[in-house]
């Protein structure tokens, strides 16, 4: 006989005593509650006809039924009945199986599934992306898409080659990943951009974030609370496909990156210790195999405080591409020569360890926006707010010594004359 704490929602159990002995039912909610007698605490189950009723846990077997390799789905019901109705005709095992298949859960298996639309980048936004030209003459997007072609898939058991982008903050790495999601889908002839499953690095990332966990869910219609499986991003992305984006991967702990080793190497799968599955009379950890269209892309910035040294085993599973600031791109995005000169000077100071604060392309673009709205003095005050107090004097020195203030004022005057 079973106890309520051992029953697993969604799994099938056999009734072992009472008038309906040998019937197989599905656990809807294993939380016991008192029925007409306080000492008779019952759980909610579902019969093969899809009707809910209540039963004492001791009337059930203490292990799930082995004939189904996956948990039986919990079927919706208008309202539970208090007792198993004697008028319900029993059905055969084949009929019960057909009923369960017809009401099977609908997991996401296609990267074009509309339930993933919130993970797709905006085409309108990606149109603003400025391609940089690589040293071989290709645009950055075309260059990186090469890692998804048949040659690289042939070297990687049919999957795109893993890529790691290394560069400072605000150098366009994330925007590039979004552009790749659109261009890759177009290359494959798909109607929508590929989903981007973004796992942002921090020291707080755990196995639960990657691989999922059991969580409580309350049905808003009925108020009924039950335990459900909440997938982690890696667990969700792996069998579906799309881009698994490991952002600032050097902020992950080594325990996390080592968990990704079998997914990123020739095995292309991982064993999910957090998710038990019932197979042939035994609970086993779930094994998840990667889709042929799962592309793992990582990014990291060596200069981030708190970043850790990635181990060689993880590093060797990627092709590494340097992704620094691009002057040609900044010339297209930032009209002011004075602001670009300021950026160059501050980046040189950082390379010389005079300051630690990185100055990204976006930060320089913000100066230009504020310059036209508020004038030189206010724009510079806003900009200096991103630096540490002990770095501000050096910023002021560069602004004065390089005549940046004067250049900016002259640029504003010229713009006003041309308006």
Protein backbone atom coordinates (compact mmCIF):
# COMPACT_ATOMS: atom_id res chain seq x y z
CA UNK A 1 0.00 0.00 0.00
CA UNK A 2 1.12 3.54 -0.69
CA UNK A 3 1.51 6.66 1.43
CA UNK A 4 0.55 10.04 0.01
CA UNK A 5 4.09 11.44 0.20
CA UNK A 6 5.36 8.71 -2.14
CA UNK A 7 2.75 9.26 -4.85
CA UNK A 8 3.88 11.13 -7.98
CA UNK A 9 1.41 13.37 -9.82
CA UNK A 10 0.99 12.34 -13.45
CA UNK A 11 1.98 8.71 -12.85
CA UNK A 12 -0.30 5.66 -12.90
CA UNK A 13 -0.95 3.42 -9.89
CA UNK A 14 -3.01 0.26 -9.50
CA UNK A 15 -5.87 0.02 -6.99
CA UNK A 16 -5.05 -2.95 -4.75
CA UNK A 17 -8.13 -3.11 -2.48
CA UNK A 18 -11.80 -2.27 -2.59
CA UNK A 19 -14.49 -2.89 -5.20
CA UNK A 20 -12.35 -1.51 -8.02
CA UNK A 21 -9.25 -3.53 -7.28
CA UNK A 22 -6.89 -3.91 -10.28
CA UNK A 23 -8.10 -0.71 -11.94
CA UNK A 24 -5.25 1.64 -12.95
CA UNK A 25 -5.67 5.32 -12.10
CA UNK A 26 -3.57 8.45 -12.60
CA UNK A 27 -2.51 10.69 -9.70
CA UNK A 28 -3.88 14.21 -10.15
CA UNK A 29 -2.94 15.67 -6.76
CA UNK A 30 -1.08 13.73 -4.08
CA UNK A 31 -1.82 16.31 -1.36
CA UNK A 32 -4.10 14.47 1.13
CA UNK A 33 -7.22 16.14 2.49
CA UNK A 34 -9.95 14.97 4.88
CA UNK A 35 -13.13 13.73 3.28
CA UNK A 36 -16.22 13.04 5.41
CA UNK A 37 -14.02 11.60 8.15
CA UNK A 38 -10.99 13.62 9.35
CA UNK A 39 -8.92 10.47 9.83
CA UNK A 40 -9.61 9.29 6.26
CA UNK A 41 -7.32 11.58 4.25
CA UNK A 42 -7.70 11.07 0.49
CA UNK A 43 -5.84 12.04 -2.66
CA UNK A 44 -7.25 13.00 -6.07
CA UNK A 45 -6.94 10.54 -8.97
CA UNK A 46 -8.27 10.13 -12.48
CA UNK A 47 -9.92 7.03 -13.90
CA UNK A 48 -9.28 5.87 -17.51
CA UNK A 49 -12.50 7.56 -18.63
CA UNK A 50 -11.10 10.95 -17.58
CA UNK A 51 -13.22 11.42 -14.45
CA UNK A 52 -11.70 12.62 -11.17
CA UNK A 53 -12.47 11.02 -7.82
CA UNK A 54 -10.94 10.68 -4.35
CA UNK A 55 -9.27 7.61 -2.88
CA UNK A 56 -7.28 6.64 0.21
CA UNK A 57 -3.53 6.26 -0.52
CA UNK A 58 -3.48 2.87 1.23
CA UNK A 59 -5.80 1.54 -1.49
CA UNK A 60 -3.06 2.08 -4.11
CA UNK A 61 0.10 0.15 -4.90
CA UNK A 62 3.30 1.70 -3.61
CA UNK A 63 5.03 1.85 -7.01
CA UNK A 64 3.89 3.32 -10.34
CA UNK A 65 2.76 1.07 -13.14
CA UNK A 66 5.68 0.08 -15.41
CA UNK A 67 3.84 -0.36 -18.71
CA UNK A 68 4.24 3.28 -19.79
CA UNK A 69 7.74 4.74 -20.15
CA UNK A 70 6.54 8.30 -19.64
CA UNK A 71 4.29 9.80 -16.94
CA UNK A 72 0.63 9.50 -17.79
CA UNK A 73 -0.90 12.90 -18.51
CA UNK A 74 -3.34 14.46 -16.07
CA UNK A 75 -6.49 15.05 -18.04
CA UNK A 76 -8.71 18.09 -17.44
CA UNK A 77 -12.07 17.56 -15.81
CA UNK A 78 -15.05 19.79 -15.22
CA UNK A 79 -15.54 18.73 -11.59
CA UNK A 80 -14.44 15.81 -9.41
CA UNK A 81 -16.96 13.29 -8.16
CA UNK A 82 -16.88 12.07 -4.60
CA UNK A 83 -16.86 8.33 -5.28
CA UNK A 84 -15.91 5.94 -8.02
CA UNK A 85 -19.19 5.40 -9.88
CA UNK A 86 -20.19 1.75 -10.04
CA UNK A 87 -22.04 2.36 -13.31
CA UNK A 88 -18.83 3.11 -15.21
CA UNK A 89 -18.02 0.21 -17.49
CA UNK A 90 -14.40 -0.96 -17.28
CA UNK A 91 -12.26 -0.53 -20.38
CA UNK A 92 -9.46 -2.66 -21.72
CA UNK A 93 -5.77 -1.91 -21.39
CA UNK A 94 -5.56 -1.04 -25.12
CA UNK A 95 -8.48 1.37 -24.77
CA UNK A 96 -6.85 3.02 -21.77
CA UNK A 97 -3.59 3.41 -23.66
CA UNK A 98 -5.37 4.91 -26.67
CA UNK A 99 -7.18 7.32 -24.37
CA UNK A 100 -3.91 8.46 -22.84
CA UNK A 101 -2.23 8.89 -26.22
CA UNK A 102 -5.14 10.96 -27.50
CA UNK A 103 -4.77 13.28 -24.50
CA UNK A 104 -0.96 13.22 -24.44
CA UNK A 105 0.91 16.23 -23.28
CA UNK A 106 2.03 18.51 -26.08
CA UNK A 107 5.73 19.14 -25.53
CA UNK A 108 7.58 21.64 -27.70
CA UNK A 109 9.67 19.79 -30.29
CA UNK A 110 9.82 22.29 -33.17
CA UNK A 111 11.89 25.52 -32.98
CA UNK A 112 9.09 27.23 -34.95
CA UNK A 113 6.51 26.44 -32.24
CA UNK A 114 4.58 29.67 -31.44
CA UNK A 115 5.11 29.05 -27.72
CA UNK A 116 8.74 30.05 -28.31
CA UNK A 117 7.93 33.35 -30.04
CA UNK A 118 8.88 35.36 -26.96
CA UNK A 119 12.45 34.05 -27.37
CA UNK A 120 12.83 35.21 -30.97
CA UNK A 121 14.67 38.47 -31.79
CA UNK A 122 12.80 41.21 -33.59
CA UNK A 123 13.43 41.38 -37.32
CA UNK A 124 12.86 45.14 -37.21
CA UNK A 125 15.56 45.51 -34.57
CA UNK A 126 18.01 43.23 -36.39
CA UNK A 127 17.67 45.35 -39.52
CA UNK A 128 19.57 48.04 -37.62
CA UNK A 129 22.52 45.71 -37.08
CA UNK A 130 25.75 46.98 -38.65
CA UNK A 131 27.81 44.16 -40.13
CA UNK A 132 31.53 44.27 -39.62
CA UNK A 133 33.94 42.89 -42.20
CA UNK A 134 36.13 39.99 -41.09
CA UNK A 135 39.76 39.54 -42.12
CA UNK A 136 38.75 37.10 -44.89
CA UNK A 137 36.44 39.70 -46.46
CA UNK A 138 33.16 38.12 -45.32
CA UNK A 139 30.62 39.94 -43.21
CA UNK A 140 30.54 38.76 -39.61
CA UNK A 141 27.13 37.11 -40.01
CA UNK A 142 28.11 35.21 -43.17
CA UNK A 143 31.40 34.19 -41.58
CA UNK A 144 29.75 32.74 -38.47
CA UNK A 145 26.99 31.03 -40.44
CA UNK A 146 29.76 28.99 -42.09
CA UNK A 147 29.92 27.02 -38.82
CA UNK A 148 26.40 25.73 -39.55
CA UNK A 149 27.17 24.38 -43.03
CA UNK A 150 27.52 20.76 -44.07
CA UNK A 151 31.30 20.74 -43.74
CA UNK A 152 31.28 21.72 -40.06
CA UNK A 153 28.22 19.60 -39.34
CA UNK A 154 30.14 16.68 -40.81
CA UNK A 155 32.91 17.29 -38.28
CA UNK A 156 30.43 17.67 -35.42
CA UNK A 157 28.10 14.64 -35.73
CA UNK A 158 25.64 16.62 -37.86
CA UNK A 159 25.37 19.71 -35.67
CA UNK A 160 26.73 23.27 -35.98
CA UNK A 161 30.14 23.87 -34.46
CA UNK A 162 30.18 25.57 -31.04
CA UNK A 163 31.41 29.17 -31.14
CA UNK A 164 32.82 31.40 -28.38
CA UNK A 165 33.01 35.20 -28.87
CA UNK A 166 35.62 36.90 -26.72
CA UNK A 167 35.50 40.66 -26.30
CA UNK A 168 34.83 43.68 -24.12
CA UNK A 169 31.43 44.83 -22.97
CA UNK A 170 29.22 46.67 -25.45
CA UNK A 171 31.10 45.37 -28.47
CA UNK A 172 27.90 44.02 -30.04
CA UNK A 173 28.16 40.34 -29.12
CA UNK A 174 24.55 39.93 -28.02
CA UNK A 175 23.23 41.91 -30.98
CA UNK A 176 25.29 39.66 -33.25
CA UNK A 177 23.67 36.55 -31.75
CA UNK A 178 20.24 38.06 -32.48
CA UNK A 179 21.28 38.80 -36.07
CA UNK A 180 22.47 35.20 -36.43
CA UNK A 181 19.11 33.87 -35.20
CA UNK A 182 17.38 35.73 -38.03
CA UNK A 183 19.93 34.98 -40.75
CA UNK A 184 20.23 31.28 -39.84
CA UNK A 185 16.46 30.82 -40.01
CA UNK A 186 16.41 32.54 -43.40
CA UNK A 187 19.22 30.28 -44.60
CA UNK A 188 17.20 27.22 -43.54
CA UNK A 189 14.05 28.59 -45.19
CA UNK A 190 12.18 28.89 -41.88
CA UNK A 191 9.33 31.38 -41.47
CA UNK A 192 10.48 32.90 -38.17
CA UNK A 193 13.82 33.66 -36.49
CA UNK A 194 15.35 30.87 -34.48
CA UNK A 195 14.65 31.06 -30.74
CA UNK A 196 17.54 32.27 -28.59
CA UNK A 197 17.70 30.54 -25.21
CA UNK A 198 19.80 32.98 -23.17
CA UNK A 199 21.52 31.84 -19.99
CA UNK A 200 23.15 34.91 -18.42
CA UNK A 201 26.23 34.18 -16.41
CA UNK A 202 26.49 34.85 -12.70
CA UNK A 203 27.94 33.12 -9.67
CA UNK A 204 24.36 32.36 -8.61
CA UNK A 205 23.61 30.09 -11.57
CA UNK A 206 22.78 26.55 -10.44
CA UNK A 207 21.87 23.21 -11.96
CA UNK A 208 18.22 24.17 -11.54
CA UNK A 209 18.66 27.10 -13.94
CA UNK A 210 20.22 24.80 -16.52
CA UNK A 211 18.37 21.56 -16.09
CA UNK A 212 15.09 22.37 -14.32
CA UNK A 213 13.30 21.33 -11.16
CA UNK A 214 9.94 20.33 -9.78
CA UNK A 215 7.86 23.40 -8.91
CA UNK A 216 4.45 24.14 -7.48
CA UNK A 217 1.72 25.30 -9.89
CA UNK A 218 -1.74 26.59 -9.01
CA UNK A 219 -4.40 26.26 -11.68
CA UNK A 220 -5.98 29.74 -11.94
CA UNK A 221 -9.33 28.23 -12.96
CA UNK A 222 -9.72 25.73 -10.13
CA UNK A 223 -7.26 26.94 -7.51
CA UNK A 224 -5.87 23.41 -7.39
CA UNK A 225 -2.16 23.24 -6.55
CA UNK A 226 0.06 20.52 -7.98
CA UNK A 227 3.71 19.76 -8.62
CA UNK A 228 4.91 20.20 -12.20
CA UNK A 229 8.20 19.88 -14.02
CA UNK A 230 9.70 23.31 -14.79
CA UNK A 231 12.48 22.86 -17.38
CA UNK A 232 15.70 24.80 -17.20
CA UNK A 233 16.88 26.62 -20.29
CA UNK A 234 19.35 23.91 -21.29
CA UNK A 235 16.77 21.18 -20.70
CA UNK A 236 14.26 23.16 -22.80
CA UNK A 237 16.57 24.12 -25.67
CA UNK A 238 18.51 20.90 -26.17
CA UNK A 239 15.86 18.68 -27.82
CA UNK A 240 14.18 21.57 -29.67
CA UNK A 241 17.05 23.37 -31.41
CA UNK A 242 17.83 27.03 -31.93
CA UNK A 243 20.64 29.01 -30.33
CA UNK A 244 21.68 28.16 -26.79
CA UNK A 245 23.35 31.44 -25.82
CA UNK A 246 25.74 31.23 -22.87
CA UNK A 247 26.23 34.92 -22.11
CA UNK A 248 29.33 35.87 -20.07
CA UNK A 249 30.14 32.22 -19.60
CA UNK A 250 33.22 32.95 -17.46
CA UNK A 251 30.83 34.16 -14.75
CA UNK A 252 29.51 30.59 -14.39
CA UNK A 253 31.10 28.41 -11.77
CA UNK A 254 33.25 25.47 -12.89
CA UNK A 255 30.60 23.07 -11.57
CA UNK A 256 28.12 24.56 -14.04
CA UNK A 257 30.40 24.53 -17.08
CA UNK A 258 31.47 20.95 -16.37
CA UNK A 259 27.79 19.96 -16.41
CA UNK A 260 27.70 21.21 -20.02
CA UNK A 261 30.69 19.16 -21.19
CA UNK A 262 28.72 16.19 -22.61
CA UNK A 263 26.34 18.52 -24.43
CA UNK A 264 29.16 20.57 -25.98
CA UNK A 265 31.35 17.63 -27.06
CA UNK A 266 30.89 14.60 -29.34
CA UNK A 267 28.19 13.10 -27.10
CA UNK A 268 25.69 15.94 -27.78
CA UNK A 269 23.53 15.01 -24.83
CA UNK A 270 23.31 15.38 -21.09
CA UNK A 271 21.98 13.32 -18.24
CA UNK A 272 19.47 15.30 -16.22
CA UNK A 273 19.95 14.21 -12.62
CA UNK A 274 17.16 16.57 -11.57
CA UNK A 275 14.47 14.81 -13.63
CA UNK A 276 13.56 11.18 -12.82
CA UNK A 277 11.75 9.12 -15.45
CA UNK A 278 10.09 5.75 -14.98
CA UNK A 279 11.47 3.11 -17.35
CA UNK A 280 10.68 -0.59 -17.15
CA UNK A 281 10.15 -0.72 -13.42
CA UNK A 282 13.01 1.62 -12.48
CA UNK A 283 13.44 5.35 -11.89
CA UNK A 284 16.37 6.70 -13.95
CA UNK A 285 17.72 10.19 -14.63
CA UNK A 286 16.46 11.58 -17.92
CA UNK A 287 18.88 11.54 -20.87
CA UNK A 288 18.34 14.42 -23.28
CA UNK A 289 19.82 14.24 -26.78
CA UNK A 290 20.59 17.44 -28.70
CA UNK A 291 18.63 18.44 -31.78
CA UNK A 292 20.57 18.51 -35.03
CA UNK A 293 19.85 22.25 -35.11
CA UNK A 294 21.11 23.16 -31.65
CA UNK A 295 23.84 25.79 -32.00
CA UNK A 296 25.77 26.61 -28.83
CA UNK A 297 27.23 30.12 -28.79
CA UNK A 298 29.09 31.53 -25.81
CA UNK A 299 30.44 34.98 -25.03
CA UNK A 300 32.76 36.28 -22.37
CA UNK A 301 34.68 39.35 -21.32
CA UNK A 302 38.00 38.73 -19.61
CA UNK A 303 37.90 42.13 -17.93
CA UNK A 304 34.76 41.53 -15.86
CA UNK A 305 35.30 41.57 -12.12
CA UNK A 306 34.20 38.28 -10.60
CA UNK A 307 34.88 36.33 -13.78
CA UNK A 308 36.58 32.98 -13.33
CA UNK A 309 39.22 31.21 -15.35
CA UNK A 310 37.49 28.69 -17.59
CA UNK A 311 38.97 25.22 -17.51
CA UNK A 312 40.70 23.88 -20.60
CA UNK A 313 38.25 21.02 -21.07
CA UNK A 314 35.41 23.51 -21.55
CA UNK A 315 37.43 25.95 -23.67
CA UNK A 316 38.48 23.19 -26.07
CA UNK A 317 34.87 22.45 -26.95
CA UNK A 318 34.53 25.80 -28.79
CA UNK A 319 36.01 27.74 -31.68
CA UNK A 320 37.17 31.07 -30.28
CA UNK A 321 36.71 34.37 -32.10
CA UNK A 322 38.06 37.71 -30.88
CA UNK A 323 35.35 40.33 -30.83
CA UNK A 324 36.69 43.76 -29.90
CA UNK A 325 35.48 47.25 -30.69
CA UNK A 326 35.33 47.96 -34.42
CA UNK A 327 36.28 51.46 -35.52
CA UNK A 328 34.55 51.14 -38.89
CA UNK A 329 31.28 50.21 -37.18
CA UNK A 330 31.63 53.02 -34.65
CA UNK A 331 32.22 55.51 -37.47
CA UNK A 332 28.80 54.49 -38.86
CA UNK A 333 27.06 54.63 -35.49
CA UNK A 334 28.74 57.69 -33.96
CA UNK A 335 28.85 60.79 -36.10
CA UNK A 336 31.05 62.88 -33.77
CA UNK A 337 34.83 62.52 -34.35
CA UNK A 338 35.40 64.07 -30.91
CA UNK A 339 33.40 61.34 -29.16
CA UNK A 340 35.24 58.62 -31.06
CA UNK A 341 38.55 60.25 -30.10
CA UNK A 342 37.43 60.27 -26.45
CA UNK A 343 36.60 56.57 -26.66
CA UNK A 344 40.02 55.72 -28.12
CA UNK A 345 41.80 57.68 -25.38
CA UNK A 346 39.85 56.06 -22.55
CA UNK A 347 40.35 52.56 -23.99
CA UNK A 348 44.09 53.17 -24.19
CA UNK A 349 44.01 54.27 -20.55
CA UNK A 350 42.25 51.04 -19.64
CA UNK A 351 44.78 48.95 -21.54
CA UNK A 352 47.48 50.71 -19.53
CA UNK A 353 45.55 49.90 -16.31
CA UNK A 354 45.10 53.60 -15.50
CA UNK A 355 41.35 53.02 -15.28
CA UNK A 356 39.29 49.82 -15.04
CA UNK A 357 35.91 50.95 -16.40
CA UNK A 358 35.29 49.74 -19.97
CA UNK A 359 33.93 52.22 -22.50
CA UNK A 360 31.68 50.42 -24.94
CA UNK A 361 30.18 51.50 -28.22
CA UNK A 362 26.78 52.02 -26.58
CA UNK A 363 28.27 54.36 -23.98
CA UNK A 364 29.72 56.55 -26.73
CA UNK A 365 26.40 56.52 -28.59
CA UNK A 366 24.69 57.73 -25.40
CA UNK A 367 27.07 60.71 -25.22
CA UNK A 368 26.05 61.77 -28.72
CA UNK A 369 22.35 61.42 -27.90
CA UNK A 370 22.72 63.50 -24.71
CA UNK A 371 24.92 66.02 -26.49
CA UNK A 372 22.14 67.08 -28.85
CA UNK A 373 19.51 67.07 -26.09
CA UNK A 374 21.34 68.74 -23.19
CA UNK A 375 24.56 70.31 -24.45
CA UNK A 376 28.21 69.52 -23.84
CA UNK A 377 28.48 70.10 -20.08
CA UNK A 378 25.46 67.97 -19.15
CA UNK A 379 26.34 65.21 -21.62
CA UNK A 380 29.81 64.96 -20.10
CA UNK A 381 28.45 64.96 -16.54
CA UNK A 382 26.16 62.08 -17.44
CA UNK A 383 29.01 60.20 -19.08
CA UNK A 384 31.37 60.64 -16.12
CA UNK A 385 28.74 59.11 -13.87
CA UNK A 386 29.69 55.64 -15.13
CA UNK A 387 33.25 55.92 -13.78
CA UNK A 388 34.54 55.30 -10.28
CA UNK A 389 35.32 58.40 -8.24
CA UNK A 390 39.09 57.89 -8.47
CA UNK A 391 38.85 57.61 -12.30
CA UNK A 392 36.95 60.86 -12.92
CA UNK A 393 40.07 63.13 -12.66
CA UNK A 394 41.70 61.17 -15.51
CA UNK A 395 38.55 61.50 -17.62
CA UNK A 396 38.61 65.28 -17.00
CA UNK A 397 42.28 65.37 -17.92
CA UNK A 398 41.58 63.65 -21.25
CA UNK A 399 38.63 65.96 -21.96
CA UNK A 400 40.80 69.04 -21.39
CA UNK A 401 44.13 67.78 -22.69
CA UNK A 402 42.69 66.44 -25.96
CA UNK A 403 40.48 69.54 -26.37
CA UNK A 404 37.42 67.26 -26.47
CA UNK A 405 35.20 69.96 -24.91
CA UNK A 406 36.23 72.48 -27.55
CA UNK A 407 35.73 70.00 -30.39
CA UNK A 408 32.27 69.05 -29.16
CA UNK A 409 31.18 72.67 -28.84
CA UNK A 410 32.39 73.36 -32.37
CA UNK A 411 30.53 70.29 -33.68
CA UNK A 412 27.33 71.54 -32.07
CA UNK A 413 27.84 74.99 -33.58
CA UNK A 414 28.35 73.52 -37.04
CA UNK A 415 25.25 71.36 -36.66
CA UNK A 416 23.17 74.37 -35.63
CA UNK A 417 24.35 76.34 -38.68
CA UNK A 418 23.40 73.49 -41.01
CA UNK A 419 19.97 72.97 -39.42
